[in-house]
Amino acid sequence: MQVSRRDFMKVVGLGAGAGLVSGLTSAKAVSAATTGATGGRAMLYDATRCVGCRACQTACKRWNRLPADSTGYGGIYDNPRSLSAQTWTLIKARDITTNGQKDLLLCKYQCMHCTDAACVKVCPTHALTHHPLGFVAYDEDICSGCGYCAEFCPFQVPRLAGSTLTGVQKMHKCTFCQDRVPEGRQTACAEACPAGAILFGNREELVAEGKKRVGSLKPAYPNARLYGEKELGGLHVMYVLKEPPSVYQFPEYPEVPQAAVAWKDVIQPLGWAVGGLTILGLGLNYLVARASVKSGKEK
């Protein structure tokens, strides 16, 4: 069999190219992630100013055409009980007792749009990426429904919906109103808030405002904290909290799971290499078969 150098290099290039495209796409996402925390757009939620009206929750559903998601009332704030494929932002309340005094804590839950986002790291189809404005963008059309984002998110935000029998599923979460924000508009939830509990704007300016508000809370609430300034490289949804994050059921020091890091740095690159070698093998097999057919005809 005679395989020309030109044909061989074509096959090698095809295999290497497959891995290179995936590598460049990931590199682009990482580059956006490293710059997203210092600038871009963000939201600041002040839990001390929230009145629990749920205007944000209603606006989110209206703008994104999300259906009602009722699980029954155990209390006025127990419906729905958690985020879901139909509920991307949620106001919840809990009673606490501090120094013998009862208090009601209100908090807004949604995707945090992390700069160091585990979901972006593990998404095999790049349906989740870092937008140039800093938030985590989502392309539902190319989501494979694998569920890795839901498994590795330290905030347990992504939700899957679809058929477990057929395996046809899609992930759902807050998209940071990616069809509004790039056009210069606020997120629907921020625009709807009547109490000024949700601020939208430049991230650096919101960090400064958040620190100012925390400073004013410290005399009465010594545990007050700006949550999200540096966590996971900087969140694009930050919180002014008067109690420690754990009281609001947030991880004190959120981290990207080591398994997600291994997936990005070891398993995915290995997959690209195996894929390239597979393509190379198929290409060589084709050349061998073609040469064998040609040799048989000459006889």
C-alpha atoms as a PDB file:
ATOM      1  CA  MET A   1       0.000   0.000   0.000  1.00  0.00           C
ATOM      2  CA  GLN A   2       1.205   3.477  -0.850  1.00  0.00           C
ATOM      3  CA  VAL A   3      -0.032   6.335   1.342  1.00  0.00           C
ATOM      4  CA  SER A   4       1.176   9.682   0.159  1.00  0.00           C
ATOM      5  CA  ARG A   5       2.655  12.137   2.639  1.00  0.00           C
ATOM      6  CA  ARG A   6       0.053  14.658   1.515  1.00  0.00           C
ATOM      7  CA  ASP A   7      -2.867  12.326   2.342  1.00  0.00           C
ATOM      8  CA  PHE A   8      -1.349  11.439   5.707  1.00  0.00           C
ATOM      9  CA  MET A   9      -0.911  15.093   6.688  1.00  0.00           C
ATOM     10  CA  LYS A  10      -4.520  15.812   5.746  1.00  0.00           C
ATOM     11  CA  VAL A  11      -5.745  13.178   8.165  1.00  0.00           C
ATOM     12  CA  VAL A  12      -3.403  14.318  10.944  1.00  0.00           C
ATOM     13  CA  GLY A  13      -4.544  17.896  10.459  1.00  0.00           C
ATOM     14  CA  LEU A  14      -8.185  16.856  10.681  1.00  0.00           C
ATOM     15  CA  GLY A  15      -7.629  15.083  13.997  1.00  0.00           C
ATOM     16  CA  ALA A  16      -5.591  17.926  15.471  1.00  0.00           C
ATOM     17  CA  GLY A  17      -8.098  20.479  14.259  1.00  0.00           C
ATOM     18  CA  ALA A  18     -10.936  18.819  16.130  1.00  0.00           C
ATOM     19  CA  GLY A  19      -9.075  19.131  19.391  1.00  0.00           C
ATOM     20  CA  LEU A  20      -7.855  22.640  18.597  1.00  0.00           C
ATOM     21  CA  VAL A  21     -11.360  24.019  18.003  1.00  0.00           C
ATOM     22  CA  SER A  22     -12.539  22.763  21.383  1.00  0.00           C
ATOM     23  CA  GLY A  23      -9.395  24.072  23.038  1.00  0.00           C
ATOM     24  CA  LEU A  24      -9.744  27.538  21.550  1.00  0.00           C
ATOM     25  CA  THR A  25     -13.394  27.738  22.582  1.00  0.00           C
ATOM     26  CA  SER A  26     -12.485  26.891  26.163  1.00  0.00           C
ATOM     27  CA  ALA A  27      -9.595  29.352  26.135  1.00  0.00           C
ATOM     28  CA  LYS A  28     -11.966  32.084  24.987  1.00  0.00           C
ATOM     29  CA  ALA A  29     -14.312  31.317  27.898  1.00  0.00           C
ATOM     30  CA  VAL A  30     -11.436  31.357  30.385  1.00  0.00           C
ATOM     31  CA  SER A  31     -10.198  34.682  29.006  1.00  0.00           C
ATOM     32  CA  ALA A  32     -13.638  36.220  29.509  1.00  0.00           C
ATOM     33  CA  ALA A  33     -13.766  34.784  33.005  1.00  0.00           C
ATOM     34  CA  THR A  34     -10.498  36.386  34.050  1.00  0.00           C
ATOM     35  CA  THR A  35     -11.661  39.843  33.032  1.00  0.00           C
ATOM     36  CA  GLY A  36     -15.335  39.610  33.965  1.00  0.00           C
ATOM     37  CA  ALA A  37     -14.937  40.266  37.692  1.00  0.00           C
ATOM     38  CA  THR A  38     -13.277  43.655  37.411  1.00  0.00           C
ATOM     39  CA  GLY A  39     -15.809  45.209  35.070  1.00  0.00           C
ATOM     40  CA  GLY A  40     -18.991  44.398  33.254  1.00  0.00           C
ATOM     41  CA  ARG A  41     -22.509  44.590  34.579  1.00  0.00           C
ATOM     42  CA  ALA A  42     -23.790  43.253  37.874  1.00  0.00           C
ATOM     43  CA  MET A  43     -26.611  43.335  40.385  1.00  0.00           C
ATOM     44  CA  LEU A  44     -26.464  44.197  44.079  1.00  0.00           C
ATOM     45  CA  TYR A  45     -29.229  42.768  46.254  1.00  0.00           C
ATOM     46  CA  ASP A  46     -29.639  44.404  49.664  1.00  0.00           C
ATOM     47  CA  ALA A  47     -31.413  41.874  51.875  1.00  0.00           C
ATOM     48  CA  THR A  48     -32.020  44.566  54.510  1.00  0.00           C
ATOM     49  CA  ARG A  49     -34.108  46.659  52.105  1.00  0.00           C
ATOM     50  CA  CYS A  50     -36.149  43.835  50.601  1.00  0.00           C
ATOM     51  CA  VAL A  51     -39.830  44.004  51.589  1.00  0.00           C
ATOM     52  CA  GLY A  52     -40.731  40.570  50.222  1.00  0.00           C
ATOM     53  CA  CYS A  53     -43.208  41.860  47.649  1.00  0.00           C
ATOM     54  CA  ARG A  54     -41.957  39.406  45.013  1.00  0.00           C
ATOM     55  CA  ALA A  55     -42.186  41.969  42.241  1.00  0.00           C
ATOM     56  CA  CYS A  56     -38.807  40.678  41.035  1.00  0.00           C
ATOM     57  CA  GLN A  57     -40.068  37.114  40.960  1.00  0.00           C
ATOM     58  CA  THR A  58     -43.172  38.099  39.025  1.00  0.00           C
ATOM     59  CA  ALA A  59     -41.196  40.245  36.569  1.00  0.00           C
ATOM     60  CA  CYS A  60     -38.798  37.378  35.888  1.00  0.00           C
ATOM     61  CA  LYS A  61     -41.664  35.035  35.060  1.00  0.00           C
ATOM     62  CA  ARG A  62     -43.419  37.614  32.914  1.00  0.00           C
ATOM     63  CA  TRP A  63     -40.354  38.574  30.885  1.00  0.00           C
ATOM     64  CA  ASN A  64     -39.183  34.998  30.347  1.00  0.00           C
ATOM     65  CA  ARG A  65     -42.717  33.636  29.812  1.00  0.00           C
ATOM     66  CA  LEU A  66     -42.322  31.119  32.624  1.00  0.00           C
ATOM     67  CA  PRO A  67     -45.411  29.241  33.829  1.00  0.00           C
ATOM     68  CA  ALA A  68     -46.598  29.152  37.426  1.00  0.00           C
ATOM     69  CA  ASP A  69     -44.769  26.698  39.648  1.00  0.00           C
ATOM     70  CA  SER A  70     -46.914  25.973  42.717  1.00  0.00           C
ATOM     71  CA  THR A  71     -46.175  23.357  45.343  1.00  0.00           C
ATOM     72  CA  GLY A  72     -48.796  24.363  47.914  1.00  0.00           C
ATOM     73  CA  TYR A  73     -48.652  26.672  50.894  1.00  0.00           C
ATOM     74  CA  GLY A  74     -46.933  25.694  54.098  1.00  0.00           C
ATOM     75  CA  GLY A  75     -46.502  29.402  54.734  1.00  0.00           C
ATOM     76  CA  ILE A  76     -46.783  32.458  52.550  1.00  0.00           C
ATOM     77  CA  TYR A  77     -43.129  32.244  51.498  1.00  0.00           C
ATOM     78  CA  ASP A  78     -43.124  28.484  50.906  1.00  0.00           C
ATOM     79  CA  ASN A  79     -44.575  28.720  47.425  1.00  0.00           C
ATOM     80  CA  PRO A  80     -42.704  27.689  45.410  1.00  0.00           C
ATOM     81  CA  ARG A  81     -40.326  25.986  47.798  1.00  0.00           C
ATOM     82  CA  SER A  82     -37.204  26.256  45.670  1.00  0.00           C
ATOM     83  CA  LEU A  83     -35.806  27.239  42.303  1.00  0.00           C
ATOM     84  CA  SER A  84     -36.960  25.109  39.405  1.00  0.00           C
ATOM     85  CA  ALA A  85     -36.997  24.936  35.632  1.00  0.00           C
ATOM     86  CA  GLN A  86     -39.983  27.322  35.772  1.00  0.00           C
ATOM     87  CA  THR A  87     -38.773  29.576  38.600  1.00  0.00           C
ATOM     88  CA  TRP A  88     -35.411  31.271  38.016  1.00  0.00           C
ATOM     89  CA  THR A  89     -35.529  33.815  40.825  1.00  0.00           C
ATOM     90  CA  LEU A  90     -37.137  33.302  44.205  1.00  0.00           C
ATOM     91  CA  ILE A  91     -37.734  35.301  47.373  1.00  0.00           C
ATOM     92  CA  LYS A  92     -37.693  33.209  50.536  1.00  0.00           C
ATOM     93  CA  ALA A  93     -38.005  34.099  54.203  1.00  0.00           C
ATOM     94  CA  ARG A  94     -36.911  32.476  57.445  1.00  0.00           C
ATOM     95  CA  ASP A  95     -37.309  33.320  61.095  1.00  0.00           C
ATOM     96  CA  ILE A  96     -34.181  33.562  63.219  1.00  0.00           C
ATOM     97  CA  THR A  97     -33.447  34.504  66.813  1.00  0.00           C
ATOM     98  CA  THR A  98     -30.413  36.669  67.571  1.00  0.00           C
ATOM     99  CA  ASN A  99     -29.576  37.632  71.140  1.00  0.00           C
ATOM    100  CA  GLY A 100     -33.061  36.638  72.181  1.00  0.00           C
ATOM    101  CA  GLN A 101     -34.670  38.819  69.510  1.00  0.00           C
ATOM    102  CA  LYS A 102     -36.729  37.332  66.710  1.00  0.00           C
ATOM    103  CA  ASP A 103     -36.026  38.538  63.193  1.00  0.00           C
ATOM    104  CA  LEU A 104     -37.332  37.798  59.709  1.00  0.00           C
ATOM    105  CA  LEU A 105     -34.708  37.352  57.016  1.00  0.00           C
ATOM    106  CA  LEU A 106     -35.677  37.840  53.386  1.00  0.00           C
ATOM    107  CA  CYS A 107     -33.387  36.764  50.566  1.00  0.00           C
ATOM    108  CA  LYS A 108     -33.413  36.497  46.791  1.00  0.00           C
ATOM    109  CA  TYR A 109     -32.111  33.286  45.219  1.00  0.00           C
ATOM    110  CA  GLN A 110     -30.967  32.902  41.615  1.00  0.00           C
ATOM    111  CA  CYS A 111     -27.885  32.135  39.524  1.00  0.00           C
ATOM    112  CA  MET A 112     -24.919  34.023  40.964  1.00  0.00           C
ATOM    113  CA  HIS A 113     -23.161  34.439  37.592  1.00  0.00           C
ATOM    114  CA  CYS A 114     -19.741  33.535  38.990  1.00  0.00           C
ATOM    115  CA  THR A 115     -16.542  34.634  37.323  1.00  0.00           C
ATOM    116  CA  ASP A 116     -14.941  31.306  38.221  1.00  0.00           C
ATOM    117  CA  ALA A 117     -18.034  29.344  37.218  1.00  0.00           C
ATOM    118  CA  ALA A 118     -18.060  25.581  37.678  1.00  0.00           C
ATOM    119  CA  CYS A 119     -20.928  25.253  35.195  1.00  0.00           C
ATOM    120  CA  VAL A 120     -18.889  26.899  32.436  1.00  0.00           C
ATOM    121  CA  LYS A 121     -15.905  24.679  33.204  1.00  0.00           C
ATOM    122  CA  VAL A 122     -17.803  21.398  32.896  1.00  0.00           C
ATOM    123  CA  CYS A 123     -20.283  22.174  30.092  1.00  0.00           C
ATOM    124  CA  PRO A 124     -19.211  19.835  27.247  1.00  0.00           C
ATOM    125  CA  THR A 125     -21.146  21.647  24.503  1.00  0.00           C
ATOM    126  CA  HIS A 126     -20.238  25.226  25.545  1.00  0.00           C
ATOM    127  CA  ALA A 127     -23.910  26.021  26.029  1.00  0.00           C
ATOM    128  CA  LEU A 128     -22.716  27.966  29.087  1.00  0.00           C
ATOM    129  CA  THR A 129     -20.150  30.681  28.446  1.00  0.00           C
ATOM    130  CA  HIS A 130     -18.921  33.946  29.912  1.00  0.00           C
ATOM    131  CA  HIS A 131     -20.479  36.932  28.195  1.00  0.00           C
ATOM    132  CA  PRO A 132     -18.133  39.906  27.632  1.00  0.00           C
ATOM    133  CA  LEU A 133     -20.251  41.823  30.168  1.00  0.00           C
ATOM    134  CA  GLY A 134     -19.312  39.264  32.815  1.00  0.00           C
ATOM    135  CA  PHE A 135     -22.433  37.190  33.379  1.00  0.00           C
ATOM    136  CA  VAL A 136     -22.855  33.505  32.495  1.00  0.00           C
ATOM    137  CA  ALA A 137     -24.692  33.343  29.173  1.00  0.00           C
ATOM    138  CA  TYR A 138     -26.717  30.318  28.139  1.00  0.00           C
ATOM    139  CA  ASP A 139     -27.615  28.853  24.750  1.00  0.00           C
ATOM    140  CA  GLU A 140     -30.425  26.387  25.353  1.00  0.00           C
ATOM    141  CA  ASP A 141     -30.344  25.187  21.734  1.00  0.00           C
ATOM    142  CA  ILE A 142     -26.981  23.456  22.193  1.00  0.00           C
ATOM    143  CA  CYS A 143     -27.554  22.202  25.754  1.00  0.00           C
ATOM    144  CA  SER A 144     -27.215  18.408  25.832  1.00  0.00           C
ATOM    145  CA  GLY A 145     -29.029  18.023  29.151  1.00  0.00           C
ATOM    146  CA  CYS A 146     -26.069  16.152  30.642  1.00  0.00           C
ATOM    147  CA  GLY A 147     -26.631  17.710  34.085  1.00  0.00           C
ATOM    148  CA  TYR A 148     -22.958  18.373  34.872  1.00  0.00           C
ATOM    149  CA  CYS A 149     -23.729  22.036  35.610  1.00  0.00           C
ATOM    150  CA  ALA A 150     -26.366  21.050  38.162  1.00  0.00           C
ATOM    151  CA  GLU A 151     -24.024  18.525  39.748  1.00  0.00           C
ATOM    152  CA  PHE A 152     -21.042  20.851  40.192  1.00  0.00           C
ATOM    153  CA  CYS A 153     -22.659  24.246  40.956  1.00  0.00           C
ATOM    154  CA  PRO A 154     -21.689  25.185  44.552  1.00  0.00           C
ATOM    155  CA  PHE A 155     -25.002  27.067  44.877  1.00  0.00           C
ATOM    156  CA  GLN A 156     -27.155  24.244  43.459  1.00  0.00           C
ATOM    157  CA  VAL A 157     -28.866  26.585  41.010  1.00  0.00           C
ATOM    158  CA  PRO A 158     -29.268  24.855  37.599  1.00  0.00           C
ATOM    159  CA  ARG A 159     -32.391  22.733  37.191  1.00  0.00           C
ATOM    160  CA  LEU A 160     -33.096  20.066  34.583  1.00  0.00           C
ATOM    161  CA  ALA A 161     -36.452  19.537  32.898  1.00  0.00           C
ATOM    162  CA  GLY A 162     -37.507  16.994  30.331  1.00  0.00           C
ATOM    163  CA  SER A 163     -38.010  13.267  30.011  1.00  0.00           C
ATOM    164  CA  THR A 164     -35.783  10.926  31.999  1.00  0.00           C
ATOM    165  CA  LEU A 165     -37.089   8.035  29.897  1.00  0.00           C
ATOM    166  CA  THR A 166     -36.029   9.452  26.553  1.00  0.00           C
ATOM    167  CA  GLY A 167     -33.054  11.292  28.004  1.00  0.00           C
ATOM    168  CA  VAL A 168     -34.139  14.496  26.242  1.00  0.00           C
ATOM    169  CA  GLN A 169     -33.552  17.178  28.870  1.00  0.00           C
ATOM    170  CA  LYS A 170     -32.585  20.833  29.052  1.00  0.00           C
ATOM    171  CA  MET A 171     -31.084  22.913  31.847  1.00  0.00           C
ATOM    172  CA  HIS A 172     -32.816  26.072  33.054  1.00  0.00           C
ATOM    173  CA  LYS A 173     -31.584  28.984  35.182  1.00  0.00           C
ATOM    174  CA  CYS A 174     -31.442  32.779  35.325  1.00  0.00           C
ATOM    175  CA  THR A 175     -29.798  34.123  32.163  1.00  0.00           C
ATOM    176  CA  PHE A 176     -29.174  37.634  33.555  1.00  0.00           C
ATOM    177  CA  CYS A 177     -31.736  38.801  31.004  1.00  0.00           C
ATOM    178  CA  GLN A 178     -29.232  38.231  28.217  1.00  0.00           C
ATOM    179  CA  ASP A 179     -31.817  39.525  25.760  1.00  0.00           C
ATOM    180  CA  ARG A 180     -32.023  42.867  27.623  1.00  0.00           C
ATOM    181  CA  VAL A 181     -28.685  43.681  29.263  1.00  0.00           C
ATOM    182  CA  PRO A 182     -26.524  43.754  26.085  1.00  0.00           C
ATOM    183  CA  GLU A 183     -28.982  46.340  24.727  1.00  0.00           C
ATOM    184  CA  GLY A 184     -28.292  48.643  27.671  1.00  0.00           C
ATOM    185  CA  ARG A 185     -31.376  47.728  29.682  1.00  0.00           C
ATOM    186  CA  GLN A 186     -31.625  46.560  33.293  1.00  0.00           C
ATOM    187  CA  THR A 187     -32.559  43.035  34.241  1.00  0.00           C
ATOM    188  CA  ALA A 188     -36.310  42.603  34.585  1.00  0.00           C
ATOM    189  CA  CYS A 189     -36.070  41.919  38.333  1.00  0.00           C
ATOM    190  CA  ALA A 190     -33.993  45.044  39.040  1.00  0.00           C
ATOM    191  CA  GLU A 191     -36.316  47.231  37.011  1.00  0.00           C
ATOM    192  CA  ALA A 192     -39.363  45.923  38.892  1.00  0.00           C
ATOM    193  CA  CYS A 193     -38.037  46.290  42.463  1.00  0.00           C
ATOM    194  CA  PRO A 194     -40.028  49.107  44.171  1.00  0.00           C
ATOM    195  CA  ALA A 195     -37.898  49.217  47.332  1.00  0.00           C
ATOM    196  CA  GLY A 196     -34.446  49.784  45.854  1.00  0.00           C
ATOM    197  CA  ALA A 197     -33.316  46.407  47.164  1.00  0.00           C
ATOM    198  CA  ILE A 198     -31.947  45.427  43.734  1.00  0.00           C
ATOM    199  CA  LEU A 199     -29.445  47.733  42.082  1.00  0.00           C
ATOM    200  CA  PHE A 200     -28.155  47.176  38.556  1.00  0.00           C
ATOM    201  CA  GLY A 201     -25.091  48.749  36.998  1.00  0.00           C
ATOM    202  CA  ASN A 202     -21.315  48.754  36.699  1.00  0.00           C
ATOM    203  CA  ARG A 203     -19.847  46.088  38.948  1.00  0.00           C
ATOM    204  CA  GLU A 204     -17.071  48.217  40.405  1.00  0.00           C
ATOM    205  CA  GLU A 205     -19.551  50.922  41.378  1.00  0.00           C
ATOM    206  CA  LEU A 206     -21.853  48.358  42.964  1.00  0.00           C
ATOM    207  CA  VAL A 207     -18.979  46.917  45.004  1.00  0.00           C
ATOM    208  CA  ALA A 208     -18.319  50.406  46.395  1.00  0.00           C
ATOM    209  CA  GLU A 209     -22.021  50.896  47.157  1.00  0.00           C
ATOM    210  CA  GLY A 210     -22.231  47.495  48.797  1.00  0.00           C
ATOM    211  CA  LYS A 211     -19.282  48.242  51.081  1.00  0.00           C
ATOM    212  CA  LYS A 212     -20.842  51.567  52.020  1.00  0.00           C
ATOM    213  CA  ARG A 213     -24.100  49.893  52.999  1.00  0.00           C
ATOM    214  CA  VAL A 214     -22.333  47.189  54.979  1.00  0.00           C
ATOM    215  CA  GLY A 215     -20.400  49.875  56.852  1.00  0.00           C
ATOM    216  CA  SER A 216     -23.628  51.534  57.901  1.00  0.00           C
ATOM    217  CA  LEU A 217     -25.015  48.199  59.120  1.00  0.00           C
ATOM    218  CA  LYS A 218     -21.983  47.204  61.218  1.00  0.00           C
ATOM    219  CA  PRO A 219     -22.932  49.103  64.410  1.00  0.00           C
ATOM    220  CA  ALA A 220     -26.245  47.240  64.680  1.00  0.00           C
ATOM    221  CA  TYR A 221     -25.215  44.072  62.858  1.00  0.00           C
ATOM    222  CA  PRO A 222     -21.523  43.274  63.465  1.00  0.00           C
ATOM    223  CA  ASN A 223     -21.742  40.221  61.177  1.00  0.00           C
ATOM    224  CA  ALA A 224     -22.892  42.291  58.186  1.00  0.00           C
ATOM    225  CA  ARG A 225     -21.018  41.428  55.009  1.00  0.00           C
ATOM    226  CA  LEU A 226     -20.806  42.084  51.285  1.00  0.00           C
ATOM    227  CA  TYR A 227     -21.121  38.644  49.772  1.00  0.00           C
ATOM    228  CA  GLY A 228     -19.789  38.117  46.265  1.00  0.00           C
ATOM    229  CA  GLU A 229     -17.052  40.719  45.947  1.00  0.00           C
ATOM    230  CA  LYS A 230     -14.300  38.099  45.727  1.00  0.00           C
ATOM    231  CA  GLU A 231     -16.064  34.747  46.061  1.00  0.00           C
ATOM    232  CA  LEU A 232     -15.395  32.507  43.054  1.00  0.00           C
ATOM    233  CA  GLY A 233     -13.409  35.231  41.348  1.00  0.00           C
ATOM    234  CA  GLY A 234     -16.217  37.716  41.928  1.00  0.00           C
ATOM    235  CA  LEU A 235     -19.951  37.171  41.579  1.00  0.00           C
ATOM    236  CA  HIS A 236     -22.050  39.286  39.261  1.00  0.00           C
ATOM    237  CA  VAL A 237     -24.962  38.992  41.679  1.00  0.00           C
ATOM    238  CA  MET A 238     -23.738  40.346  45.019  1.00  0.00           C
ATOM    239  CA  TYR A 239     -25.478  40.573  48.378  1.00  0.00           C
ATOM    240  CA  VAL A 240     -25.595  42.951  51.326  1.00  0.00           C
ATOM    241  CA  LEU A 241     -26.260  40.613  54.259  1.00  0.00           C
ATOM    242  CA  LYS A 242     -26.722  41.535  57.898  1.00  0.00           C
ATOM    243  CA  GLU A 243     -25.922  38.010  59.103  1.00  0.00           C
ATOM    244  CA  PRO A 244     -23.307  35.439  58.036  1.00  0.00           C
ATOM    245  CA  PRO A 245     -23.936  33.807  54.608  1.00  0.00           C
ATOM    246  CA  SER A 246     -24.655  30.441  56.219  1.00  0.00           C
ATOM    247  CA  VAL A 247     -27.746  31.924  57.897  1.00  0.00           C
ATOM    248  CA  TYR A 248     -29.077  32.605  54.394  1.00  0.00           C
ATOM    249  CA  GLN A 249     -28.061  29.083  53.361  1.00  0.00           C
ATOM    250  CA  PHE A 250     -25.170  30.284  51.231  1.00  0.00           C
ATOM    251  CA  PRO A 251     -21.790  28.543  51.454  1.00  0.00           C
ATOM    252  CA  GLU A 252     -19.440  30.634  53.598  1.00  0.00           C
ATOM    253  CA  TYR A 253     -16.526  30.160  51.206  1.00  0.00           C
ATOM    254  CA  PRO A 254     -17.857  28.697  47.941  1.00  0.00           C
ATOM    255  CA  GLU A 255     -15.387  26.755  45.838  1.00  0.00           C
ATOM    256  CA  VAL A 256     -15.382  25.057  42.470  1.00  0.00           C
ATOM    257  CA  PRO A 257     -15.428  21.301  43.259  1.00  0.00           C
ATOM    258  CA  GLN A 258     -12.123  19.576  42.557  1.00  0.00           C
ATOM    259  CA  ALA A 259     -13.960  17.112  40.334  1.00  0.00           C
ATOM    260  CA  ALA A 260     -14.999  20.022  38.107  1.00  0.00           C
ATOM    261  CA  VAL A 261     -11.381  21.197  37.909  1.00  0.00           C
ATOM    262  CA  ALA A 262     -10.298  17.662  36.975  1.00  0.00           C
ATOM    263  CA  TRP A 263     -13.010  17.551  34.328  1.00  0.00           C
ATOM    264  CA  LYS A 264     -11.788  20.759  32.713  1.00  0.00           C
ATOM    265  CA  ASP A 265      -8.031  20.234  33.038  1.00  0.00           C
ATOM    266  CA  VAL A 266      -7.759  16.452  32.557  1.00  0.00           C
ATOM    267  CA  ILE A 267     -10.847  14.657  31.327  1.00  0.00           C
ATOM    268  CA  GLN A 268     -11.956  17.098  28.612  1.00  0.00           C
ATOM    269  CA  PRO A 269      -8.450  17.517  27.082  1.00  0.00           C
ATOM    270  CA  LEU A 270      -8.073  13.737  27.185  1.00  0.00           C
ATOM    271  CA  GLY A 271     -11.379  13.468  25.373  1.00  0.00           C
ATOM    272  CA  TRP A 272     -10.156  15.860  22.676  1.00  0.00           C
ATOM    273  CA  ALA A 273      -6.986  13.796  22.276  1.00  0.00           C
ATOM    274  CA  VAL A 274      -8.926  10.544  22.057  1.00  0.00           C
ATOM    275  CA  GLY A 275     -11.328  12.129  19.604  1.00  0.00           C
ATOM    276  CA  GLY A 276      -8.434  13.330  17.459  1.00  0.00           C
ATOM    277  CA  LEU A 277      -6.800   9.910  17.529  1.00  0.00           C
ATOM    278  CA  THR A 278     -10.100   8.289  16.626  1.00  0.00           C
ATOM    279  CA  ILE A 279     -10.488  10.568  13.622  1.00  0.00           C
ATOM    280  CA  LEU A 280      -6.874   9.893  12.699  1.00  0.00           C
ATOM    281  CA  GLY A 281      -7.463   6.136  12.942  1.00  0.00           C
ATOM    282  CA  LEU A 282     -10.596   6.321  10.827  1.00  0.00           C
ATOM    283  CA  GLY A 283      -8.780   8.398   8.262  1.00  0.00           C
ATOM    284  CA  LEU A 284      -5.872   5.954   8.032  1.00  0.00           C
ATOM    285  CA  ASN A 285      -8.326   3.057   7.824  1.00  0.00           C
ATOM    286  CA  TYR A 286     -10.012   4.804   4.907  1.00  0.00           C
ATOM    287  CA  LEU A 287      -6.695   5.312   3.120  1.00  0.00           C
ATOM    288  CA  VAL A 288      -5.714   1.687   3.648  1.00  0.00           C
ATOM    289  CA  ALA A 289      -9.072   0.480   2.359  1.00  0.00           C
ATOM    290  CA  ARG A 290      -8.861   2.778  -0.670  1.00  0.00           C
ATOM    291  CA  ALA A 291      -5.361   1.599  -1.473  1.00  0.00           C
ATOM    292  CA  SER A 292      -6.417  -2.053  -1.137  1.00  0.00           C
ATOM    293  CA  VAL A 293      -9.363  -1.548  -3.518  1.00  0.00           C
ATOM    294  CA  LYS A 294      -7.100   0.225  -6.004  1.00  0.00           C
ATOM    295  CA  SER A 295      -4.519  -2.566  -5.801  1.00  0.00           C
ATOM    296  CA  GLY A 296      -7.217  -5.207  -6.382  1.00  0.00           C
ATOM    297  CA  LYS A 297      -8.456  -3.436  -9.501  1.00  0.00           C
ATOM    298  CA  GLU A 298      -4.940  -3.262 -10.941  1.00  0.00           C
ATOM    299  CA  LYS A 299      -4.571  -7.030 -10.612  1.00  0.00           C
END
